[in-house]
């Protein structure tokens, strides 16, 4: 699995630490507050993409999450959840 994660990192330009954060960071606000970012529904992430992701690292992680979901790679992150 490490090779696959490294391939995803190289393709999308994010670090392994970013992928771990997707599994552990919780959405701080809104309808899905308290839910790990990787578990946010794709439709919710598309809404943010259309209307603008939050500034900073949260927005970057949400964008990465959406990219992984679009490519069907979000299953790689779920084993990293605590």
N, C-alpha and C. Protein backbone atom coordinates (compact mmCIF):
# COMPACT_ATOMS: atom_id res chain seq x y z
N UNK A 1 0.82 -1.19 0.00
CA UNK A 1 0.00 0.00 0.00
C UNK A 1 0.86 1.25 0.00
N UNK A 2 2.04 1.21 0.60
CA UNK A 2 2.90 2.38 0.64
C UNK A 2 3.26 2.85 -0.76
N UNK A 3 3.54 1.93 -1.69
CA UNK A 3 3.85 2.32 -3.05
C UNK A 3 2.67 3.04 -3.70
N UNK A 4 1.46 2.55 -3.47
CA UNK A 4 0.28 3.18 -4.05
C UNK A 4 0.10 4.58 -3.49
N UNK A 5 0.27 4.75 -2.19
CA UNK A 5 0.16 6.07 -1.58
C UNK A 5 1.22 7.00 -2.15
N UNK A 6 2.44 6.51 -2.32
CA UNK A 6 3.50 7.34 -2.89
C UNK A 6 3.17 7.74 -4.33
N UNK A 7 2.55 6.84 -5.10
CA UNK A 7 2.15 7.17 -6.46
C UNK A 7 1.07 8.25 -6.47
N UNK A 8 0.12 8.15 -5.55
CA UNK A 8 -0.92 9.17 -5.43
C UNK A 8 -0.29 10.50 -5.05
N UNK A 9 0.63 10.48 -4.10
CA UNK A 9 1.31 11.71 -3.68
C UNK A 9 1.99 12.38 -4.87
N UNK A 10 2.72 11.59 -5.64
CA UNK A 10 3.46 12.14 -6.78
C UNK A 10 2.50 12.70 -7.83
N UNK A 11 1.41 12.00 -8.08
CA UNK A 11 0.47 12.43 -9.12
C UNK A 11 -0.28 13.69 -8.72
N UNK A 12 -0.63 13.82 -7.46
CA UNK A 12 -1.46 14.96 -7.03
C UNK A 12 -0.67 16.06 -6.35
N UNK A 13 0.59 15.82 -6.02
CA UNK A 13 1.43 16.84 -5.43
C UNK A 13 1.18 17.08 -3.95
N UNK A 14 0.70 16.08 -3.23
CA UNK A 14 0.48 16.20 -1.80
C UNK A 14 1.37 15.20 -1.08
N UNK A 15 1.59 15.44 0.21
CA UNK A 15 2.47 14.59 1.00
C UNK A 15 1.69 13.47 1.67
N UNK A 16 2.42 12.49 2.16
CA UNK A 16 1.80 11.41 2.92
C UNK A 16 1.11 11.97 4.16
N UNK A 17 1.68 13.01 4.74
CA UNK A 17 1.06 13.65 5.91
C UNK A 17 -0.30 14.24 5.56
N UNK A 18 -0.42 14.81 4.37
CA UNK A 18 -1.72 15.33 3.93
C UNK A 18 -2.76 14.21 3.85
N UNK A 19 -2.36 13.06 3.37
CA UNK A 19 -3.27 11.93 3.25
C UNK A 19 -3.70 11.44 4.63
N UNK A 20 -2.77 11.44 5.57
CA UNK A 20 -3.12 11.06 6.95
C UNK A 20 -4.10 12.06 7.55
N UNK A 21 -3.91 13.34 7.24
CA UNK A 21 -4.82 14.37 7.76
C UNK A 21 -6.24 14.17 7.24
N UNK A 22 -6.37 13.72 5.99
CA UNK A 22 -7.70 13.45 5.45
C UNK A 22 -8.45 12.44 6.30
N UNK A 23 -7.73 11.49 6.85
CA UNK A 23 -8.34 10.43 7.65
C UNK A 23 -8.62 10.86 9.08
N UNK A 24 -7.90 11.86 9.57
CA UNK A 24 -8.01 12.19 10.99
C UNK A 24 -8.65 13.55 11.28
N UNK A 25 -8.48 14.52 10.37
CA UNK A 25 -9.06 15.85 10.62
C UNK A 25 -10.57 15.77 10.51
N UNK A 26 -11.23 16.48 11.38
CA UNK A 26 -12.69 16.50 11.36
C UNK A 26 -13.17 17.85 10.80
N UNK A 27 -14.24 17.79 10.05
CA UNK A 27 -14.84 19.00 9.50
C UNK A 27 -15.24 19.90 10.67
N UNK A 28 -14.75 21.15 10.70
CA UNK A 28 -14.98 22.00 11.87
C UNK A 28 -16.33 22.74 11.89
N UNK A 29 -17.08 22.70 10.81
CA UNK A 29 -18.32 23.48 10.77
C UNK A 29 -19.30 22.85 9.79
N UNK A 30 -20.52 23.36 9.82
CA UNK A 30 -21.51 22.99 8.82
C UNK A 30 -22.25 21.69 9.11
N UNK A 31 -22.97 21.26 8.13
CA UNK A 31 -23.83 20.09 8.21
C UNK A 31 -23.08 18.83 8.63
N UNK A 32 -21.82 18.72 8.23
CA UNK A 32 -21.02 17.52 8.51
C UNK A 32 -19.93 17.78 9.55
N UNK A 33 -20.14 18.76 10.42
CA UNK A 33 -19.17 19.06 11.48
C UNK A 33 -18.90 17.81 12.30
N UNK A 34 -17.63 17.56 12.58
CA UNK A 34 -17.22 16.41 13.37
C UNK A 34 -16.93 15.16 12.56
N UNK A 35 -17.24 15.18 11.29
CA UNK A 35 -17.00 14.02 10.43
C UNK A 35 -15.60 14.13 9.82
N UNK A 36 -14.84 13.01 9.76
CA UNK A 36 -13.52 13.08 9.10
C UNK A 36 -13.68 13.57 7.65
N UNK A 37 -12.72 14.34 7.20
CA UNK A 37 -12.79 14.93 5.86
C UNK A 37 -12.97 13.86 4.80
N UNK A 38 -12.31 12.73 4.94
CA UNK A 38 -12.42 11.67 3.93
C UNK A 38 -13.83 11.13 3.85
N UNK A 39 -14.63 11.30 4.89
CA UNK A 39 -16.00 10.79 4.90
C UNK A 39 -17.03 11.81 4.43
N UNK A 40 -16.58 13.00 4.01
CA UNK A 40 -17.53 13.98 3.50
C UNK A 40 -18.11 13.49 2.17
N UNK A 41 -19.40 13.69 1.96
CA UNK A 41 -20.01 13.26 0.70
C UNK A 41 -19.43 14.03 -0.50
N UNK A 42 -19.32 13.34 -1.60
CA UNK A 42 -18.78 13.95 -2.82
C UNK A 42 -19.60 15.17 -3.23
N UNK A 43 -20.92 15.09 -3.12
CA UNK A 43 -21.79 16.21 -3.50
C UNK A 43 -21.49 17.45 -2.66
N UNK A 44 -21.19 17.26 -1.38
CA UNK A 44 -20.84 18.37 -0.48
C UNK A 44 -19.53 19.02 -0.94
N UNK A 45 -18.56 18.19 -1.30
CA UNK A 45 -17.27 18.71 -1.77
C UNK A 45 -17.42 19.41 -3.11
N UNK A 46 -18.28 18.89 -4.00
CA UNK A 46 -18.54 19.57 -5.27
C UNK A 46 -19.17 20.94 -5.04
N UNK A 47 -20.06 21.02 -4.04
CA UNK A 47 -20.68 22.31 -3.73
C UNK A 47 -19.60 23.32 -3.34
N UNK A 48 -18.67 22.90 -2.49
CA UNK A 48 -17.59 23.80 -2.09
C UNK A 48 -16.70 24.16 -3.27
N UNK A 49 -16.44 23.20 -4.15
CA UNK A 49 -15.62 23.50 -5.33
C UNK A 49 -16.28 24.58 -6.17
N UNK A 50 -17.58 24.47 -6.34
CA UNK A 50 -18.32 25.45 -7.14
C UNK A 50 -18.38 26.82 -6.45
N UNK A 51 -18.52 26.82 -5.13
CA UNK A 51 -18.72 28.06 -4.38
C UNK A 51 -17.48 28.56 -3.67
N UNK A 52 -16.41 27.83 -3.71
CA UNK A 52 -15.10 28.15 -3.15
C UNK A 52 -14.83 27.37 -1.86
N UNK A 53 -13.73 26.63 -1.91
CA UNK A 53 -13.28 25.92 -0.72
C UNK A 53 -12.84 26.93 0.32
N UNK A 54 -12.87 26.56 1.60
CA UNK A 54 -12.35 27.45 2.64
C UNK A 54 -10.88 27.77 2.38
N UNK A 55 -10.44 28.90 2.89
CA UNK A 55 -9.03 29.27 2.76
C UNK A 55 -8.17 28.35 3.61
N UNK A 56 -6.92 28.26 3.24
CA UNK A 56 -5.93 27.55 4.04
C UNK A 56 -5.91 26.05 3.84
N UNK A 57 -5.35 25.39 4.84
CA UNK A 57 -5.11 23.95 4.75
C UNK A 57 -6.41 23.15 4.66
N UNK A 58 -7.45 23.59 5.35
CA UNK A 58 -8.72 22.88 5.28
C UNK A 58 -9.22 22.82 3.84
N UNK A 59 -9.21 23.95 3.15
CA UNK A 59 -9.66 23.98 1.76
C UNK A 59 -8.80 23.12 0.86
N UNK A 60 -7.49 23.13 1.10
CA UNK A 60 -6.58 22.29 0.30
C UNK A 60 -6.89 20.81 0.52
N UNK A 61 -7.15 20.44 1.76
CA UNK A 61 -7.45 19.04 2.06
C UNK A 61 -8.80 18.64 1.47
N UNK A 62 -9.77 19.53 1.50
CA UNK A 62 -11.06 19.24 0.89
C UNK A 62 -10.93 19.05 -0.62
N UNK A 63 -10.08 19.87 -1.25
CA UNK A 63 -9.82 19.72 -2.68
C UNK A 63 -9.14 18.39 -2.99
N UNK A 64 -8.19 18.01 -2.16
CA UNK A 64 -7.52 16.72 -2.33
C UNK A 64 -8.51 15.59 -2.14
N UNK A 65 -9.36 15.71 -1.15
CA UNK A 65 -10.37 14.69 -0.90
C UNK A 65 -11.27 14.51 -2.12
N UNK A 66 -11.72 15.62 -2.68
CA UNK A 66 -12.57 15.54 -3.87
C UNK A 66 -11.84 14.87 -5.03
N UNK A 67 -10.58 15.24 -5.24
CA UNK A 67 -9.80 14.64 -6.32
C UNK A 67 -9.68 13.13 -6.13
N UNK A 68 -9.44 12.69 -4.91
CA UNK A 68 -9.33 11.26 -4.63
C UNK A 68 -10.66 10.55 -4.87
N UNK A 69 -11.74 11.18 -4.46
CA UNK A 69 -13.07 10.58 -4.65
C UNK A 69 -13.40 10.47 -6.14
N UNK A 70 -13.09 11.50 -6.91
CA UNK A 70 -13.36 11.49 -8.35
C UNK A 70 -12.60 10.33 -9.01
N UNK A 71 -11.38 10.11 -8.58
CA UNK A 71 -10.55 9.05 -9.16
C UNK A 71 -10.81 7.68 -8.54
N UNK A 72 -11.71 7.63 -7.56
CA UNK A 72 -12.02 6.36 -6.91
C UNK A 72 -10.93 5.87 -5.98
N UNK A 73 -10.11 6.79 -5.48
CA UNK A 73 -8.97 6.42 -4.64
C UNK A 73 -9.19 6.70 -3.16
N UNK A 74 -10.37 7.15 -2.79
CA UNK A 74 -10.63 7.48 -1.39
C UNK A 74 -10.52 6.24 -0.49
N UNK A 75 -10.71 5.06 -1.03
CA UNK A 75 -10.57 3.83 -0.26
C UNK A 75 -9.15 3.63 0.27
N UNK A 76 -8.17 4.27 -0.35
CA UNK A 76 -6.80 4.17 0.12
C UNK A 76 -6.61 4.88 1.45
N UNK A 77 -7.43 5.88 1.72
CA UNK A 77 -7.28 6.69 2.92
C UNK A 77 -7.99 6.07 4.11
N UNK A 78 -9.09 5.39 3.86
CA UNK A 78 -9.91 4.86 4.97
C UNK A 78 -9.13 3.94 5.91
N UNK A 79 -8.17 3.12 5.45
CA UNK A 79 -7.39 2.33 6.42
C UNK A 79 -6.52 3.17 7.34
N UNK A 80 -6.31 4.43 7.01
CA UNK A 80 -5.50 5.31 7.85
C UNK A 80 -6.30 5.93 8.99
N UNK A 81 -7.62 5.73 8.97
CA UNK A 81 -8.47 6.29 10.01
C UNK A 81 -8.19 5.61 11.35
N UNK A 82 -8.24 6.40 12.43
CA UNK A 82 -7.98 5.80 13.76
C UNK A 82 -9.08 4.82 14.16
